N, C-alpha and C. Protein backbone atom coordinates (compact mmCIF):
# COMPACT_ATOMS: atom_id res chain seq x y z
N MET A 1 9.23 11.25 1.00
CA MET A 1 7.89 10.46 1.81
C MET A 1 6.66 10.89 0.47
N ILE A 2 7.02 11.67 -0.59
CA ILE A 2 5.66 11.42 -1.75
C ILE A 2 5.71 10.11 -2.21
N TYR A 3 7.43 9.76 -2.79
CA TYR A 3 8.01 8.50 -3.31
C TYR A 3 7.06 6.80 -2.71
N ALA A 4 7.12 7.19 -1.09
CA ALA A 4 6.64 6.06 -0.43
C ALA A 4 5.39 6.03 -0.58
N LEU A 5 4.43 7.21 -0.44
CA LEU A 5 3.36 7.04 -0.71
C LEU A 5 2.73 6.66 -1.67
N SER A 6 3.17 6.91 -2.79
CA SER A 6 2.58 6.75 -3.95
C SER A 6 3.36 5.21 -4.53
N SER A 7 4.10 4.42 -3.89
CA SER A 7 4.03 3.42 -3.93
C SER A 7 3.37 2.43 -3.21
N ILE A 8 3.12 2.92 -1.81
CA ILE A 8 2.27 2.36 -1.11
C ILE A 8 0.57 2.34 -1.59
N GLY A 9 0.69 3.23 -2.11
CA GLY A 9 -0.80 3.18 -3.04
C GLY A 9 -1.01 2.71 -4.09
N ALA A 10 0.54 2.48 -4.85
CA ALA A 10 0.38 1.30 -6.40
C ALA A 10 0.60 0.25 -5.92
N VAL A 11 0.73 -0.22 -4.96
CA VAL A 11 0.88 -1.60 -4.14
C VAL A 11 -0.61 -2.03 -3.90
N SER A 12 -1.16 -1.26 -2.76
CA SER A 12 -2.64 -1.77 -2.53
C SER A 12 -3.60 -1.62 -3.37
N THR A 13 -3.66 -0.40 -4.44
CA THR A 13 -4.48 -0.85 -5.63
C THR A 13 -4.22 -2.40 -6.72
N LEU A 14 -2.95 -2.52 -6.58
CA LEU A 14 -2.29 -4.15 -7.07
C LEU A 14 -2.72 -5.17 -6.53
N GLY A 15 -3.03 -4.65 -5.10
CA GLY A 15 -3.64 -5.72 -4.15
C GLY A 15 -5.53 -5.97 -4.47
N PHE A 16 -5.91 -4.53 -4.50
CA PHE A 16 -7.47 -5.07 -4.98
C PHE A 16 -7.62 -5.53 -5.97
N ILE A 17 -6.74 -4.92 -7.01
CA ILE A 17 -7.04 -5.29 -8.35
C ILE A 17 -6.98 -7.26 -8.41
N ALA A 18 -6.12 -7.39 -8.23
CA ALA A 18 -6.01 -8.88 -7.90
C ALA A 18 -7.23 -9.24 -7.03
N TYR A 19 -7.40 -9.01 -6.21
CA TYR A 19 -8.59 -9.76 -5.41
C TYR A 19 -10.00 -9.44 -5.95
N ALA A 20 -10.05 -8.66 -6.84
CA ALA A 20 -11.00 -8.23 -7.62
C ALA A 20 -11.15 -9.59 -8.38
N GLY A 21 -10.36 -9.80 -9.45
CA GLY A 21 -9.95 -10.54 -10.47
C GLY A 21 -9.71 -11.86 -10.13
N GLN A 22 -9.83 -12.09 -8.54
CA GLN A 22 -9.70 -13.46 -8.42
C GLN A 22 -8.23 -14.48 -8.25
N SER A 23 -7.00 -13.51 -9.35
CA SER A 23 -5.75 -13.74 -9.46
C SER A 23 -5.01 -13.15 -9.65
N PHE A 24 -3.59 -13.67 -10.37
CA PHE A 24 -2.74 -12.28 -10.33
C PHE A 24 -2.78 -12.40 -11.61
N ARG A 25 -3.18 -13.08 -12.28
CA ARG A 25 -3.79 -12.62 -13.70
C ARG A 25 -4.18 -11.43 -14.27
N SER A 26 -5.42 -10.63 -13.46
CA SER A 26 -5.88 -10.14 -13.45
C SER A 26 -5.16 -9.02 -13.46
N LEU A 27 -3.84 -8.87 -13.06
CA LEU A 27 -3.02 -7.76 -13.26
C LEU A 27 -2.55 -7.29 -14.35
N PHE A 28 -2.73 -8.12 -15.48
CA PHE A 28 -2.34 -7.92 -16.80
C PHE A 28 -3.31 -7.37 -17.55
N SER A 29 -4.33 -6.97 -16.98
CA SER A 29 -5.34 -6.49 -18.03
C SER A 29 -5.15 -5.41 -18.07
N GLY A 30 -6.10 -4.47 -19.19
CA GLY A 30 -5.84 -3.15 -19.24
C GLY A 30 -6.07 -2.13 -17.93
N PHE A 31 -7.24 -2.59 -16.60
CA PHE A 31 -7.31 -1.58 -15.90
C PHE A 31 -5.86 -1.45 -15.12
N THR A 32 -4.89 -2.09 -15.22
CA THR A 32 -3.99 -1.75 -14.65
C THR A 32 -3.16 -0.30 -14.32
N PRO A 33 -2.75 -0.63 -15.79
CA PRO A 33 -1.77 1.11 -15.97
C PRO A 33 -3.10 1.97 -15.92
N TRP A 34 -3.87 1.92 -16.26
CA TRP A 34 -4.82 2.84 -16.00
C TRP A 34 -5.05 3.51 -14.18
N ALA A 35 -5.15 2.54 -13.41
CA ALA A 35 -5.35 2.09 -12.31
C ALA A 35 -4.08 3.06 -11.63
N LEU A 36 -2.51 2.75 -12.17
CA LEU A 36 -1.60 3.43 -11.65
C LEU A 36 -1.08 4.50 -12.29
N ALA A 37 -1.71 4.86 -13.21
CA ALA A 37 -1.02 6.24 -13.74
C ALA A 37 -1.35 7.38 -12.78
N SER A 38 -1.88 7.31 -12.65
CA SER A 38 -2.00 8.59 -11.20
C SER A 38 -1.08 8.37 -10.40
N TYR A 39 -0.36 7.47 -9.82
CA TYR A 39 0.40 7.47 -9.10
C TYR A 39 1.62 7.97 -9.46
N VAL A 40 1.92 7.49 -10.85
CA VAL A 40 3.09 7.73 -11.56
C VAL A 40 3.45 9.32 -11.58
N VAL A 41 1.97 9.80 -11.57
CA VAL A 41 1.98 11.53 -12.19
C VAL A 41 2.24 12.12 -11.06
N PHE A 42 1.64 11.51 -9.57
CA PHE A 42 2.06 12.42 -8.34
C PHE A 42 3.62 12.12 -7.87
N ALA A 43 4.01 11.24 -8.39
CA ALA A 43 5.51 11.05 -8.56
C ALA A 43 6.02 12.16 -9.17
N VAL A 44 5.87 12.09 -10.32
CA VAL A 44 6.44 13.43 -11.09
C VAL A 44 6.03 14.61 -10.72
N ALA A 45 5.08 14.92 -9.99
CA ALA A 45 5.19 15.65 -9.31
C ALA A 45 5.95 16.17 -8.44
N GLY A 46 6.06 15.24 -7.28
CA GLY A 46 7.27 15.29 -6.05
C GLY A 46 8.62 15.69 -6.72
N LEU A 47 8.64 15.15 -7.86
CA LEU A 47 9.72 15.02 -8.27
C LEU A 47 10.26 16.77 -8.99
N VAL A 48 8.82 17.31 -9.63
CA VAL A 48 9.33 18.76 -10.35
C VAL A 48 9.26 19.97 -8.66
N ALA A 49 8.45 19.38 -7.96
CA ALA A 49 8.25 20.59 -6.95
C ALA A 49 9.81 20.36 -6.30
N TYR A 50 9.95 21.87 -6.30
CA TYR A 50 11.12 22.43 -5.91
C TYR A 50 11.20 23.16 -4.93
N GLN A 51 10.10 23.65 -4.38
CA GLN A 51 9.74 24.60 -2.80
C GLN A 51 9.38 23.76 -2.15
N GLN A 52 9.30 24.04 -0.68
CA GLN A 52 8.90 22.91 0.31
C GLN A 52 7.34 23.33 0.29
N TRP A 53 7.08 24.23 0.00
CA TRP A 53 5.35 24.38 0.41
C TRP A 53 4.56 23.71 -1.12
N LEU A 54 5.44 23.80 -2.17
CA LEU A 54 4.74 22.91 -3.05
C LEU A 54 4.85 21.66 -2.83
N ALA A 55 6.00 20.82 -2.43
CA ALA A 55 6.08 19.87 -2.16
C ALA A 55 5.02 19.16 -1.04
N ALA A 56 4.64 20.12 -0.24
CA ALA A 56 3.82 19.72 0.87
C ALA A 56 2.39 19.64 0.16
N ILE A 57 1.96 20.60 -0.64
CA ILE A 57 0.76 20.42 -1.29
C ILE A 57 0.78 18.94 -2.28
N VAL A 58 2.06 18.74 -2.62
CA VAL A 58 1.46 17.19 -3.47
C VAL A 58 1.51 16.11 -2.56
N LEU A 59 2.36 16.25 -1.43
CA LEU A 59 2.44 15.35 -0.75
C LEU A 59 0.72 15.05 0.37
N VAL A 60 0.14 16.23 0.31
CA VAL A 60 -1.22 16.52 0.80
C VAL A 60 -2.13 15.35 -0.27
N SER A 61 -2.26 16.30 -1.19
CA SER A 61 -2.97 15.59 -2.65
C SER A 61 -2.87 14.07 -2.85
N SER A 62 -1.76 13.85 -2.54
CA SER A 62 -1.13 12.16 -2.58
C SER A 62 -1.86 11.31 -1.55
N LEU A 63 -2.08 12.12 -0.73
CA LEU A 63 -2.36 11.11 0.73
C LEU A 63 -3.76 11.30 0.45
N VAL A 64 -4.37 12.39 0.23
CA VAL A 64 -5.85 12.36 0.02
C VAL A 64 -6.35 11.53 -1.29
N ALA A 65 -5.33 11.62 -2.13
CA ALA A 65 -6.11 10.69 -3.22
C ALA A 65 -5.82 8.84 -3.11
N THR A 66 -4.69 8.74 -1.86
CA THR A 66 -4.65 7.11 -2.01
C THR A 66 -5.47 6.84 -0.47
N LEU A 67 -6.20 7.54 0.06
CA LEU A 67 -6.93 7.37 1.13
C LEU A 67 -8.56 6.89 0.51
N PHE A 68 -8.61 8.09 -0.35
CA PHE A 68 -9.56 8.24 -1.13
C PHE A 68 -10.18 7.10 -1.92
N ALA A 69 -8.90 6.09 -2.59
CA ALA A 69 -8.96 5.17 -3.57
C ALA A 69 -8.81 3.97 -2.37
N ALA A 70 -8.30 3.93 -1.07
CA ALA A 70 -8.49 2.71 -0.65
C ALA A 70 -9.55 2.58 -0.43
N ALA A 71 -10.32 3.90 0.41
CA ALA A 71 -11.78 3.58 0.99
C ALA A 71 -12.67 3.13 -0.09
N ALA A 72 -13.03 3.95 -1.42
CA ALA A 72 -13.48 3.24 -2.44
C ALA A 72 -13.48 2.03 -3.06
N TYR A 73 -12.23 1.66 -2.79
CA TYR A 73 -12.02 0.24 -3.39
C TYR A 73 -12.56 -0.91 -1.91
N PHE A 74 -12.15 -0.43 -1.32
CA PHE A 74 -12.65 -1.47 0.21
C PHE A 74 -13.89 -1.76 0.33
N ASP A 75 -14.78 -0.53 -0.22
CA ASP A 75 -16.08 -0.40 0.20
C ASP A 75 -16.83 -1.05 -0.95
N ALA A 76 -16.56 -0.57 -1.94
CA ALA A 76 -16.91 -1.77 -3.29
C ALA A 76 -16.86 -3.01 -3.41
N LEU A 77 -15.84 -3.74 -2.33
CA LEU A 77 -15.16 -4.96 -3.08
C LEU A 77 -15.61 -5.56 -1.58
N PHE A 78 -15.51 -4.90 -0.51
CA PHE A 78 -15.85 -6.07 1.24
C PHE A 78 -17.38 -5.27 1.32
N ILE A 79 -17.74 -4.01 1.69
CA ILE A 79 -19.25 -3.79 2.09
C ILE A 79 -20.47 -3.48 0.89
N HIS A 80 -20.14 -2.91 0.20
CA HIS A 80 -20.81 -2.37 -0.97
C HIS A 80 -20.97 -3.23 -2.07
N VAL A 81 -21.01 -4.81 -1.85
CA VAL A 81 -20.49 -5.67 -3.22
C VAL A 81 -21.89 -5.71 -4.04
N HIS A 82 -21.69 -5.28 -5.08
CA HIS A 82 -22.67 -5.10 -6.46
C HIS A 82 -22.36 -5.35 -7.52
N SER A 83 -22.70 -5.47 -8.65
CA SER A 83 -22.87 -6.24 -10.02
C SER A 83 -21.56 -4.97 -10.76
N THR A 84 -21.91 -3.21 -10.36
CA THR A 84 -21.47 -2.51 -10.96
C THR A 84 -20.26 -2.19 -10.10
N SER A 85 -19.55 -3.18 -8.91
CA SER A 85 -18.78 -2.81 -8.15
C SER A 85 -17.38 -2.45 -8.99
N ALA A 86 -16.82 -2.95 -10.03
CA ALA A 86 -15.98 -3.22 -10.63
C ALA A 86 -15.53 -1.51 -11.32
N LEU A 87 -17.05 -0.87 -11.31
CA LEU A 87 -16.72 0.33 -11.98
C LEU A 87 -15.81 1.17 -11.44
N VAL A 88 -15.49 0.91 -10.10
CA VAL A 88 -14.79 1.68 -9.42
C VAL A 88 -13.07 2.32 -9.77
N PHE A 89 -13.09 0.92 -10.51
CA PHE A 89 -11.47 0.64 -11.41
C PHE A 89 -11.35 1.88 -12.10
N ILE A 90 -12.62 2.58 -12.56
CA ILE A 90 -12.72 3.02 -13.88
C ILE A 90 -12.57 4.18 -13.46
N PHE A 91 -13.91 4.98 -12.57
CA PHE A 91 -13.83 6.00 -12.34
C PHE A 91 -12.92 6.51 -11.02
N VAL A 92 -12.17 5.91 -9.92
CA VAL A 92 -11.44 6.21 -9.09
C VAL A 92 -10.33 6.81 -10.00
N PRO A 93 -9.72 6.49 -10.87
CA PRO A 93 -8.61 6.34 -11.34
C PRO A 93 -8.50 7.47 -12.26
N LEU A 94 -9.79 7.80 -12.79
CA LEU A 94 -9.99 8.97 -13.41
C LEU A 94 -10.13 10.33 -12.24
N TYR A 95 -10.80 10.08 -11.22
CA TYR A 95 -10.96 11.05 -10.22
C TYR A 95 -9.44 11.48 -9.59
N GLN A 96 -8.69 10.53 -9.48
CA GLN A 96 -7.19 10.62 -9.15
C GLN A 96 -6.15 11.74 -10.05
N LEU A 97 -6.10 11.29 -11.21
CA LEU A 97 -5.84 11.09 -12.47
C LEU A 97 -5.65 12.53 -12.87
N ILE A 98 -7.22 13.49 -12.37
CA ILE A 98 -7.35 14.52 -12.50
C ILE A 98 -6.55 15.53 -11.55
N LEU A 99 -6.80 15.07 -10.60
CA LEU A 99 -6.35 15.63 -9.35
C LEU A 99 -4.66 15.38 -9.30
N ALA A 100 -4.18 14.77 -9.85
CA ALA A 100 -2.88 14.92 -9.92
C ALA A 100 -1.90 15.29 -11.28
N ALA A 101 -2.69 15.55 -12.18
CA ALA A 101 -2.57 16.67 -13.61
C ALA A 101 -2.43 17.80 -12.92
N LEU A 102 -3.69 18.30 -11.78
CA LEU A 102 -3.59 19.16 -11.72
C LEU A 102 -2.60 19.77 -10.90
N VAL A 103 -2.44 19.14 -9.76
CA VAL A 103 -1.01 19.15 -8.72
C VAL A 103 0.61 19.36 -9.82
N LEU A 104 0.41 18.27 -10.92
CA LEU A 104 1.85 18.60 -11.85
C LEU A 104 1.90 20.01 -12.48
N LEU A 105 0.35 19.95 -13.10
CA LEU A 105 0.52 21.77 -13.63
C LEU A 105 1.06 23.02 -12.52
N ILE A 106 0.69 22.70 -11.37
CA ILE A 106 1.08 24.08 -10.53
C ILE A 106 2.31 23.79 -10.56
N SER A 107 2.78 22.36 -10.13
CA SER A 107 4.34 22.21 -9.55
C SER A 107 5.41 22.75 -11.29
N LEU A 108 4.70 22.46 -12.46
CA LEU A 108 5.43 22.83 -13.81
C LEU A 108 5.48 24.44 -13.61
N VAL A 109 4.43 24.67 -13.36
CA VAL A 109 4.20 26.17 -13.72
C VAL A 109 4.86 27.24 -12.93
N SER A 110 4.97 26.82 -11.28
CA SER A 110 5.57 27.11 -10.31
C SER A 110 7.09 26.88 -11.08
N ARG A 111 7.61 26.23 -11.41
CA ARG A 111 9.00 25.90 -11.82
C ARG A 111 9.55 26.54 -12.57
N PHE A 112 8.45 26.85 -13.89
CA PHE A 112 9.08 28.00 -14.73
C PHE A 112 8.50 29.52 -14.60
N LEU A 113 7.72 29.56 -13.95
CA LEU A 113 7.62 31.31 -13.50
C LEU A 113 7.81 31.77 -11.95
N ARG A 114 9.16 31.11 -11.86
CA ARG A 114 9.72 31.36 -10.62
C ARG A 114 10.20 33.27 -11.19
N VAL A 115 9.81 33.52 -10.00
CA VAL A 115 9.81 35.42 -9.37
C VAL A 115 11.07 35.47 -8.70
N ARG A 116 12.30 36.01 -9.44
CA ARG A 116 12.95 36.58 -9.15
C ARG A 116 13.43 38.22 -8.43
N PRO A 117 13.94 38.33 -7.43
CA PRO A 117 14.34 39.48 -7.07
C PRO A 117 14.88 40.43 -7.88
N THR A 118 14.68 41.95 -7.79
CA THR A 118 15.56 42.56 -8.99
C THR A 118 16.41 43.53 -7.93
N ILE A 119 16.75 43.10 -6.82
CA ILE A 119 17.53 43.60 -5.96
C ILE A 119 18.70 42.56 -5.55
């Protein structure tokens, strides 16, 4: 589920970037890797999460980040079109990447600090 959600988020982000740039050539800009980086980090966090509760946290945070990005991109490109609407492609991935890095850090810490019973 985490990989599917990350893929859906990445593909929808590519669609918004192509629409904003008015061609598929805009996908080869520097914004594309920046916009997709958070989805890669969410997928890695899903790979690292070995406990069910941790995978649920990764899934929910990935869902929240994907829905937030879709809503922000849709709002900036279709509802409140302004000359500064392109800034959404800088700041939304930043917020997503902060959340993804936090979730990845929690996944890594819980993986390496596994509590083992002494009995």
